[in-house]
Amino acid sequence: MRILLTNDDGLDAPGIEALFNALQGLGEIVPIAPRTVQSATSHGITFHEPLMCQEVVVNDRMTGIAVEGRPADCVKLALRAIWQERFGPGSMPDLTISGMNSGANVGINIIYSGTVAAAVESAFLGVPALAVSLHLGERPRVRYGRAAWIARQAIDRVLQFPLDRHSVININVPRTESDDAPMPPIRVVEMNSAPGTDAYERRTSPMGQLYYWATGSGMEFTHTAPESDVEALLQRCVTVTPLTYALTDYARLQTWKERLSPD
């Protein structure tokens, strides 16, 4: 099995390096990821600038391609060009894994997430994908290696079952702050749909210009629904949420057809 490994934190981020190590034995891992941090860029893509690429040796085990673009760019470029150049015309990955992101992607953050966008882009183009994120606590205590091991256990469980070409599975690992953290329970849950309690701090620059700085951790919400991804992650469970990129509101489709149809 050949696996495209990408992220939104950049090719040299600790999460992708840890996940690359944890995925050994699953297949041939090909890292193609942004050169710089692209957090919260959602599904943006690049049209008016070149996608500069460079092969980068991350460590003595991991070499990948760094792309001067966004996460969705990396996947589109990989599937439409780089993969064929490397493996031959018509070649495609068997699976895309995006992550491991430094920070949870649950609730409304799924919409903003570059990590999830990369997985969605892959599934849209016909390659099943997993998005993997880690809920952060105190950064000095984060154990990326152990978190990646937990992610691998969850990935193996998911891959016991067939994924169709357009599958997107969002996986979140709870805070992992010890090298022997036990494997948490895995829960299949829905996306929490409440807005975040966004706040902005009003500031003045040294030049006297007004600006605002976003505050908070990104994990504060107006409410959380029982059996949602936010609730389960805060209960220290690994969350698994199947996603779809089709945005049609089928529940209201017929209503609008009736409203706007000719008399």
C-alpha atoms as a PDB file:
ATOM      1  CA  MET A   1       0.000   0.000   0.000  1.00  0.00           C
ATOM      2  CA  ARG A   2       1.216   3.468  -0.872  1.00  0.00           C
ATOM      3  CA  ILE A   3       0.197   6.275   1.458  1.00  0.00           C
ATOM      4  CA  LEU A   4       0.325  10.026   0.892  1.00  0.00           C
ATOM      5  CA  LEU A   5       1.204  11.725   4.180  1.00  0.00           C
ATOM      6  CA  THR A   6       0.444  15.428   4.474  1.00  0.00           C
ATOM      7  CA  ASN A   7      -0.550  18.018   7.080  1.00  0.00           C
ATOM      8  CA  ASP A   8      -1.143  21.718   7.681  1.00  0.00           C
ATOM      9  CA  ASP A   9       1.629  22.365  10.229  1.00  0.00           C
ATOM     10  CA  GLY A  10       4.460  22.026   7.721  1.00  0.00           C
ATOM     11  CA  LEU A  11       6.758  19.205   6.672  1.00  0.00           C
ATOM     12  CA  ASP A  12       9.095  19.759   9.628  1.00  0.00           C
ATOM     13  CA  ALA A  13       6.367  19.771  12.299  1.00  0.00           C
ATOM     14  CA  PRO A  14       6.695  17.300  15.205  1.00  0.00           C
ATOM     15  CA  GLY A  15       3.274  15.775  14.558  1.00  0.00           C
ATOM     16  CA  ILE A  16       3.944  14.613  11.002  1.00  0.00           C
ATOM     17  CA  GLU A  17       7.380  13.319  11.969  1.00  0.00           C
ATOM     18  CA  ALA A  18       5.915  11.305  14.848  1.00  0.00           C
ATOM     19  CA  LEU A  19       3.113   9.946  12.685  1.00  0.00           C
ATOM     20  CA  PHE A  20       5.555   9.009   9.921  1.00  0.00           C
ATOM     21  CA  ASN A  21       7.449   6.910  12.451  1.00  0.00           C
ATOM     22  CA  ALA A  22       4.273   5.332  13.853  1.00  0.00           C
ATOM     23  CA  LEU A  23       3.006   4.387  10.388  1.00  0.00           C
ATOM     24  CA  GLN A  24       6.040   2.274   9.540  1.00  0.00           C
ATOM     25  CA  GLY A  25       4.998  -1.188   8.393  1.00  0.00           C
ATOM     26  CA  LEU A  26       1.631  -0.026   7.091  1.00  0.00           C
ATOM     27  CA  GLY A  27       2.943   0.689   3.617  1.00  0.00           C
ATOM     28  CA  GLU A  28       5.194   2.999   1.625  1.00  0.00           C
ATOM     29  CA  ILE A  29       4.808   6.446   3.172  1.00  0.00           C
ATOM     30  CA  VAL A  30       5.317   9.438   0.853  1.00  0.00           C
ATOM     31  CA  PRO A  31       5.336  12.804   2.695  1.00  0.00           C
ATOM     32  CA  ILE A  32       4.194  15.809   0.641  1.00  0.00           C
ATOM     33  CA  ALA A  33       3.266  18.713   2.878  1.00  0.00           C
ATOM     34  CA  PRO A  34       3.322  22.511   3.132  1.00  0.00           C
ATOM     35  CA  ARG A  35       6.688  24.144   3.627  1.00  0.00           C
ATOM     36  CA  THR A  36       5.292  26.517   6.262  1.00  0.00           C
ATOM     37  CA  VAL A  37       2.504  26.431   8.841  1.00  0.00           C
ATOM     38  CA  GLN A  38      -0.924  26.609   7.190  1.00  0.00           C
ATOM     39  CA  SER A  39      -3.214  26.162  10.197  1.00  0.00           C
ATOM     40  CA  ALA A  40      -6.840  27.296   9.790  1.00  0.00           C
ATOM     41  CA  THR A  41      -6.434  27.870   6.031  1.00  0.00           C
ATOM     42  CA  SER A  42      -9.401  25.564   5.472  1.00  0.00           C
ATOM     43  CA  HIS A  43      -9.840  24.506   1.834  1.00  0.00           C
ATOM     44  CA  GLY A  44      -8.032  27.380   0.157  1.00  0.00           C
ATOM     45  CA  ILE A  45      -6.015  26.635  -2.966  1.00  0.00           C
ATOM     46  CA  THR A  46      -3.464  28.598  -4.974  1.00  0.00           C
ATOM     47  CA  PHE A  47      -4.166  29.927  -8.461  1.00  0.00           C
ATOM     48  CA  HIS A  48      -2.096  33.060  -8.968  1.00  0.00           C
ATOM     49  CA  GLU A  49       1.275  32.006  -7.564  1.00  0.00           C
ATOM     50  CA  PRO A  50       3.594  29.122  -8.454  1.00  0.00           C
ATOM     51  CA  LEU A  51       3.651  26.065  -6.210  1.00  0.00           C
ATOM     52  CA  MET A  52       7.367  25.904  -5.530  1.00  0.00           C
ATOM     53  CA  CYS A  53       8.557  22.455  -4.397  1.00  0.00           C
ATOM     54  CA  GLN A  54      11.715  21.237  -2.716  1.00  0.00           C
ATOM     55  CA  GLU A  55      12.821  17.850  -1.480  1.00  0.00           C
ATOM     56  CA  VAL A  56      13.657  18.135   2.207  1.00  0.00           C
ATOM     57  CA  VAL A  57      15.469  15.672   4.472  1.00  0.00           C
ATOM     58  CA  VAL A  58      13.533  15.938   7.729  1.00  0.00           C
ATOM     59  CA  ASN A  59      15.630  13.356   9.582  1.00  0.00           C
ATOM     60  CA  ASP A  60      17.621  10.237   8.838  1.00  0.00           C
ATOM     61  CA  ARG A  61      14.404   8.269   8.219  1.00  0.00           C
ATOM     62  CA  MET A  62      12.071  10.806   6.644  1.00  0.00           C
ATOM     63  CA  THR A  63      12.465  12.688   3.370  1.00  0.00           C
ATOM     64  CA  GLY A  64       9.588  14.511   1.750  1.00  0.00           C
ATOM     65  CA  ILE A  65       8.511  17.223  -0.640  1.00  0.00           C
ATOM     66  CA  ALA A  66       7.813  20.650   0.829  1.00  0.00           C
ATOM     67  CA  VAL A  67       5.298  22.700  -1.176  1.00  0.00           C
ATOM     68  CA  GLU A  68       4.941  26.472  -0.965  1.00  0.00           C
ATOM     69  CA  GLY A  69       1.183  26.154  -0.783  1.00  0.00           C
ATOM     70  CA  ARG A  70      -1.775  25.175   1.342  1.00  0.00           C
ATOM     71  CA  PRO A  71      -2.791  21.682   2.470  1.00  0.00           C
ATOM     72  CA  ALA A  72      -5.367  21.238  -0.297  1.00  0.00           C
ATOM     73  CA  ASP A  73      -2.729  22.409  -2.795  1.00  0.00           C
ATOM     74  CA  CYS A  74      -0.384  19.683  -1.597  1.00  0.00           C
ATOM     75  CA  VAL A  75      -2.963  16.967  -2.132  1.00  0.00           C
ATOM     76  CA  LYS A  76      -4.114  18.245  -5.528  1.00  0.00           C
ATOM     77  CA  LEU A  77      -0.522  18.573  -6.702  1.00  0.00           C
ATOM     78  CA  ALA A  78       0.402  15.150  -5.348  1.00  0.00           C
ATOM     79  CA  LEU A  79      -2.546  13.346  -6.931  1.00  0.00           C
ATOM     80  CA  ARG A  80      -2.560  15.219 -10.228  1.00  0.00           C
ATOM     81  CA  ALA A  81       1.175  15.452 -10.906  1.00  0.00           C
ATOM     82  CA  ILE A  82       3.823  14.290  -8.434  1.00  0.00           C
ATOM     83  CA  TRP A  83       2.408  10.792  -7.929  1.00  0.00           C
ATOM     84  CA  GLN A  84       2.354  10.065 -11.662  1.00  0.00           C
ATOM     85  CA  GLU A  85       5.876  11.434 -12.077  1.00  0.00           C
ATOM     86  CA  ARG A  86       7.135   9.161  -9.315  1.00  0.00           C
ATOM     87  CA  PHE A  87       5.108   5.992  -9.840  1.00  0.00           C
ATOM     88  CA  GLY A  88       3.945   6.163 -13.450  1.00  0.00           C
ATOM     89  CA  PRO A  89       0.948   7.407 -15.440  1.00  0.00           C
ATOM     90  CA  GLY A  90      -2.398   6.736 -13.801  1.00  0.00           C
ATOM     91  CA  SER A  91      -0.861   5.958 -10.408  1.00  0.00           C
ATOM     92  CA  MET A  92      -2.681   7.119  -7.295  1.00  0.00           C
ATOM     93  CA  PRO A  93      -2.135   6.581  -3.573  1.00  0.00           C
ATOM     94  CA  ASP A  94      -4.137   3.864  -1.886  1.00  0.00           C
ATOM     95  CA  LEU A  95      -4.751   6.146   1.087  1.00  0.00           C
ATOM     96  CA  THR A  96      -4.086   9.699   2.236  1.00  0.00           C
ATOM     97  CA  ILE A  97      -3.347  10.473   5.878  1.00  0.00           C
ATOM     98  CA  SER A  98      -3.325  14.109   6.958  1.00  0.00           C
ATOM     99  CA  GLY A  99      -1.674  14.919  10.284  1.00  0.00           C
ATOM    100  CA  MET A 100      -0.864  14.542  13.023  1.00  0.00           C
ATOM    101  CA  ASN A 101      -2.072  18.063  13.661  1.00  0.00           C
ATOM    102  CA  SER A 102      -0.921  19.991  16.729  1.00  0.00           C
ATOM    103  CA  GLY A 103      -4.370  20.824  18.050  1.00  0.00           C
ATOM    104  CA  ALA A 104      -7.766  19.176  17.992  1.00  0.00           C
ATOM    105  CA  ASN A 105     -10.041  19.411  14.973  1.00  0.00           C
ATOM    106  CA  VAL A 106     -13.493  18.870  16.401  1.00  0.00           C
ATOM    107  CA  GLY A 107     -16.709  20.857  16.249  1.00  0.00           C
ATOM    108  CA  ILE A 108     -16.651  24.007  14.124  1.00  0.00           C
ATOM    109  CA  ASN A 109     -12.851  23.725  13.882  1.00  0.00           C
ATOM    110  CA  ILE A 110     -13.410  20.989  11.292  1.00  0.00           C
ATOM    111  CA  ILE A 111     -14.607  23.704   8.912  1.00  0.00           C
ATOM    112  CA  TYR A 112     -11.521  25.869   9.458  1.00  0.00           C
ATOM    113  CA  SER A 113      -9.005  23.037   9.500  1.00  0.00           C
ATOM    114  CA  GLY A 114      -6.336  22.695   6.837  1.00  0.00           C
ATOM    115  CA  THR A 115      -5.695  19.175   8.128  1.00  0.00           C
ATOM    116  CA  VAL A 116      -9.261  18.119   7.418  1.00  0.00           C
ATOM    117  CA  ALA A 117      -9.323  20.050   4.121  1.00  0.00           C
ATOM    118  CA  ALA A 118      -6.382  18.010   2.850  1.00  0.00           C
ATOM    119  CA  ALA A 119      -8.235  14.793   3.655  1.00  0.00           C
ATOM    120  CA  VAL A 120     -11.436  16.078   2.052  1.00  0.00           C
ATOM    121  CA  GLU A 121      -9.558  17.092  -1.111  1.00  0.00           C
ATOM    122  CA  SER A 122      -8.122  13.602  -1.377  1.00  0.00           C
ATOM    123  CA  ALA A 123     -11.504  11.930  -0.981  1.00  0.00           C
ATOM    124  CA  PHE A 124     -13.055  14.327  -3.478  1.00  0.00           C
ATOM    125  CA  LEU A 125     -10.413  13.230  -6.001  1.00  0.00           C
ATOM    126  CA  GLY A 126     -11.097   9.566  -5.331  1.00  0.00           C
ATOM    127  CA  VAL A 127      -8.547   8.516  -2.705  1.00  0.00           C
ATOM    128  CA  PRO A 128      -9.911   7.647   0.773  1.00  0.00           C
ATOM    129  CA  ALA A 129      -8.443   9.752   3.547  1.00  0.00           C
ATOM    130  CA  LEU A 130      -7.943   9.998   7.279  1.00  0.00           C
ATOM    131  CA  ALA A 131      -7.401  13.274   9.137  1.00  0.00           C
ATOM    132  CA  VAL A 132      -5.512  12.860  12.432  1.00  0.00           C
ATOM    133  CA  SER A 133      -5.268  15.550  15.117  1.00  0.00           C
ATOM    134  CA  LEU A 134      -3.995  15.760  18.694  1.00  0.00           C
ATOM    135  CA  HIS A 135      -5.711  17.711  21.454  1.00  0.00           C
ATOM    136  CA  LEU A 136      -2.982  19.760  23.098  1.00  0.00           C
ATOM    137  CA  GLY A 137      -2.655  20.468  26.787  1.00  0.00           C
ATOM    138  CA  GLU A 138       0.452  22.081  28.191  1.00  0.00           C
ATOM    139  CA  ARG A 139       2.907  22.048  25.293  1.00  0.00           C
ATOM    140  CA  PRO A 140       6.010  21.074  27.320  1.00  0.00           C
ATOM    141  CA  ARG A 141       4.167  17.923  28.399  1.00  0.00           C
ATOM    142  CA  VAL A 142       2.961  16.822  24.945  1.00  0.00           C
ATOM    143  CA  ARG A 143       4.271  13.401  23.960  1.00  0.00           C
ATOM    144  CA  TYR A 144       4.003  13.279  20.202  1.00  0.00           C
ATOM    145  CA  GLY A 145       5.526   9.838  19.905  1.00  0.00           C
ATOM    146  CA  ARG A 146       3.001   8.228  22.229  1.00  0.00           C
ATOM    147  CA  ALA A 147       0.130  10.184  20.667  1.00  0.00           C
ATOM    148  CA  ALA A 148       1.189   8.943  17.235  1.00  0.00           C
ATOM    149  CA  TRP A 149       1.263   5.383  18.608  1.00  0.00           C
ATOM    150  CA  ILE A 150      -2.318   5.869  19.822  1.00  0.00           C
ATOM    151  CA  ALA A 151      -3.271   7.287  16.424  1.00  0.00           C
ATOM    152  CA  ARG A 152      -1.775   4.220  14.735  1.00  0.00           C
ATOM    153  CA  GLN A 153      -3.912   1.898  16.872  1.00  0.00           C
ATOM    154  CA  ALA A 154      -7.004   3.844  15.841  1.00  0.00           C
ATOM    155  CA  ILE A 155      -5.940   3.873  12.184  1.00  0.00           C
ATOM    156  CA  ASP A 156      -5.419   0.107  12.240  1.00  0.00           C
ATOM    157  CA  ARG A 157      -8.903  -0.353  13.688  1.00  0.00           C
ATOM    158  CA  VAL A 158     -10.452   1.838  10.990  1.00  0.00           C
ATOM    159  CA  LEU A 159      -8.551   0.078   8.210  1.00  0.00           C
ATOM    160  CA  GLN A 160      -9.945  -3.290   9.275  1.00  0.00           C
ATOM    161  CA  PHE A 161     -12.989  -2.220   7.301  1.00  0.00           C
ATOM    162  CA  PRO A 162     -13.156  -1.243   3.612  1.00  0.00           C
ATOM    163  CA  LEU A 163     -13.138   2.452   2.766  1.00  0.00           C
ATOM    164  CA  ASP A 164     -14.741   3.587  -0.466  1.00  0.00           C
ATOM    165  CA  ARG A 165     -12.865   6.006  -2.714  1.00  0.00           C
ATOM    166  CA  HIS A 166     -14.615   9.067  -1.279  1.00  0.00           C
ATOM    167  CA  SER A 167     -14.389   8.246   2.428  1.00  0.00           C
ATOM    168  CA  VAL A 168     -13.180  10.857   4.911  1.00  0.00           C
ATOM    169  CA  ILE A 169     -12.606   9.800   8.515  1.00  0.00           C
ATOM    170  CA  ASN A 170     -11.703  12.433  11.114  1.00  0.00           C
ATOM    171  CA  ILE A 171      -9.683  11.044  14.050  1.00  0.00           C
ATOM    172  CA  ASN A 172      -8.778  13.035  17.174  1.00  0.00           C
ATOM    173  CA  VAL A 173      -6.390  11.813  19.853  1.00  0.00           C
ATOM    174  CA  PRO A 174      -6.947  13.146  23.396  1.00  0.00           C
ATOM    175  CA  ARG A 175      -4.260  14.951  25.368  1.00  0.00           C
ATOM    176  CA  THR A 176      -1.220  12.679  25.665  1.00  0.00           C
ATOM    177  CA  GLU A 177       1.256  13.823  28.293  1.00  0.00           C
ATOM    178  CA  SER A 178       3.155  10.710  29.341  1.00  0.00           C
ATOM    179  CA  ASP A 179       5.293   8.236  27.452  1.00  0.00           C
ATOM    180  CA  ASP A 180       3.231   5.309  28.741  1.00  0.00           C
ATOM    181  CA  ALA A 181      -0.240   6.791  28.295  1.00  0.00           C
ATOM    182  CA  PRO A 182      -2.689   3.899  27.860  1.00  0.00           C
ATOM    183  CA  MET A 183      -4.735   3.399  24.731  1.00  0.00           C
ATOM    184  CA  PRO A 184      -7.952   5.409  25.227  1.00  0.00           C
ATOM    185  CA  PRO A 185     -11.351   4.057  24.256  1.00  0.00           C
ATOM    186  CA  ILE A 186     -12.419   4.774  20.674  1.00  0.00           C
ATOM    187  CA  ARG A 187     -15.816   6.389  20.152  1.00  0.00           C
ATOM    188  CA  VAL A 188     -17.622   7.008  16.876  1.00  0.00           C
ATOM    189  CA  VAL A 189     -19.351  10.350  17.294  1.00  0.00           C
ATOM    190  CA  GLU A 190     -20.908  13.187  15.332  1.00  0.00           C
ATOM    191  CA  MET A 191     -19.454  16.649  14.801  1.00  0.00           C
ATOM    192  CA  ASN A 192     -20.540  19.159  17.440  1.00  0.00           C
ATOM    193  CA  SER A 193     -22.329  21.916  15.523  1.00  0.00           C
ATOM    194  CA  ALA A 194     -22.308  24.762  18.046  1.00  0.00           C
ATOM    195  CA  PRO A 195     -20.367  27.975  17.295  1.00  0.00           C
ATOM    196  CA  GLY A 196     -17.191  28.762  19.134  1.00  0.00           C
ATOM    197  CA  THR A 197     -17.216  31.479  21.783  1.00  0.00           C
ATOM    198  CA  ASP A 198     -14.764  33.562  19.805  1.00  0.00           C
ATOM    199  CA  ALA A 199     -13.239  36.570  21.528  1.00  0.00           C
ATOM    200  CA  TYR A 200     -10.928  39.316  20.323  1.00  0.00           C
ATOM    201  CA  GLU A 201      -8.674  41.527  22.397  1.00  0.00           C
ATOM    202  CA  ARG A 202      -8.567  45.165  21.325  1.00  0.00           C
ATOM    203  CA  ARG A 203      -5.010  46.470  21.102  1.00  0.00           C
ATOM    204  CA  THR A 204      -3.079  49.473  19.841  1.00  0.00           C
ATOM    205  CA  SER A 205       0.171  49.113  17.924  1.00  0.00           C
ATOM    206  CA  PRO A 206       3.295  51.177  18.784  1.00  0.00           C
ATOM    207  CA  MET A 207       2.378  53.334  15.769  1.00  0.00           C
ATOM    208  CA  GLY A 208      -1.043  54.030  17.228  1.00  0.00           C
ATOM    209  CA  GLN A 209      -3.001  51.737  14.886  1.00  0.00           C
ATOM    210  CA  LEU A 210      -5.969  49.812  16.224  1.00  0.00           C
ATOM    211  CA  TYR A 211      -5.929  46.025  15.809  1.00  0.00           C
ATOM    212  CA  TYR A 212      -7.555  42.949  17.309  1.00  0.00           C
ATOM    213  CA  TRP A 213      -5.958  39.704  18.448  1.00  0.00           C
ATOM    214  CA  ALA A 214      -7.938  36.459  18.604  1.00  0.00           C
ATOM    215  CA  THR A 215      -7.914  34.911  22.080  1.00  0.00           C
ATOM    216  CA  GLY A 216      -8.853  31.529  23.500  1.00  0.00           C
ATOM    217  CA  SER A 217      -7.765  27.990  22.775  1.00  0.00           C
ATOM    218  CA  GLY A 218     -10.249  27.262  19.997  1.00  0.00           C
ATOM    219  CA  MET A 219     -11.913  24.646  22.182  1.00  0.00           C
ATOM    220  CA  GLU A 220     -14.541  26.898  23.747  1.00  0.00           C
ATOM    221  CA  PHE A 221     -18.068  26.471  22.381  1.00  0.00           C
ATOM    222  CA  THR A 222     -21.482  27.942  23.152  1.00  0.00           C
ATOM    223  CA  HIS A 223     -22.592  24.435  24.024  1.00  0.00           C
ATOM    224  CA  THR A 224     -21.606  20.848  23.397  1.00  0.00           C
ATOM    225  CA  ALA A 225     -23.994  18.096  22.424  1.00  0.00           C
ATOM    226  CA  PRO A 226     -23.945  14.722  24.172  1.00  0.00           C
ATOM    227  CA  GLU A 227     -22.321  12.052  22.003  1.00  0.00           C
ATOM    228  CA  SER A 228     -20.491  14.713  20.001  1.00  0.00           C
ATOM    229  CA  ASP A 229     -16.803  14.812  19.110  1.00  0.00           C
ATOM    230  CA  VAL A 230     -16.102  17.669  21.535  1.00  0.00           C
ATOM    231  CA  GLU A 231     -17.682  15.882  24.497  1.00  0.00           C
ATOM    232  CA  ALA A 232     -15.942  12.584  23.757  1.00  0.00           C
ATOM    233  CA  LEU A 233     -12.524  14.183  23.263  1.00  0.00           C
ATOM    234  CA  LEU A 234     -12.804  16.086  26.547  1.00  0.00           C
ATOM    235  CA  GLN A 235     -13.613  12.742  28.177  1.00  0.00           C
ATOM    236  CA  ARG A 236     -10.210  11.528  26.932  1.00  0.00           C
ATOM    237  CA  CYS A 237     -11.522   9.280  24.161  1.00  0.00           C
ATOM    238  CA  VAL A 238     -10.187   8.877  20.655  1.00  0.00           C
ATOM    239  CA  THR A 239     -12.916  10.285  18.426  1.00  0.00           C
ATOM    240  CA  VAL A 240     -13.798   8.918  14.997  1.00  0.00           C
ATOM    241  CA  THR A 241     -16.179  10.932  12.821  1.00  0.00           C
ATOM    242  CA  PRO A 242     -17.036  10.114   9.204  1.00  0.00           C
ATOM    243  CA  LEU A 243     -17.333  13.296   7.125  1.00  0.00           C
ATOM    244  CA  THR A 244     -18.662  14.219   3.701  1.00  0.00           C
ATOM    245  CA  TYR A 245     -17.759  17.018   1.322  1.00  0.00           C
ATOM    246  CA  ALA A 246     -21.224  17.201  -0.287  1.00  0.00           C
ATOM    247  CA  LEU A 247     -22.803  20.425   1.014  1.00  0.00           C
ATOM    248  CA  THR A 248     -26.287  20.109  -0.444  1.00  0.00           C
ATOM    249  CA  ASP A 249     -28.954  20.488   2.267  1.00  0.00           C
ATOM    250  CA  TYR A 250     -31.151  17.619   1.146  1.00  0.00           C
ATOM    251  CA  ALA A 251     -33.659  18.173   3.966  1.00  0.00           C
ATOM    252  CA  ARG A 252     -34.543  21.576   2.461  1.00  0.00           C
ATOM    253  CA  LEU A 253     -33.963  20.780  -1.198  1.00  0.00           C
ATOM    254  CA  GLN A 254     -37.573  19.803  -1.966  1.00  0.00           C
ATOM    255  CA  THR A 255     -38.891  22.799  -0.030  1.00  0.00           C
ATOM    256  CA  TRP A 256     -36.898  25.184  -2.189  1.00  0.00           C
ATOM    257  CA  LYS A 257     -37.893  23.372  -5.361  1.00  0.00           C
ATOM    258  CA  GLU A 258     -41.541  23.902  -4.397  1.00  0.00           C
ATOM    259  CA  ARG A 259     -40.977  27.540  -3.450  1.00  0.00           C
ATOM    260  CA  LEU A 260     -39.209  28.460  -6.675  1.00  0.00           C
ATOM    261  CA  SER A 261     -40.899  26.219  -9.210  1.00  0.00           C
ATOM    262  CA  PRO A 262     -43.059  27.868 -11.853  1.00  0.00           C
ATOM    263  CA  ASP A 263     -46.766  27.985 -11.072  1.00  0.00           C
END
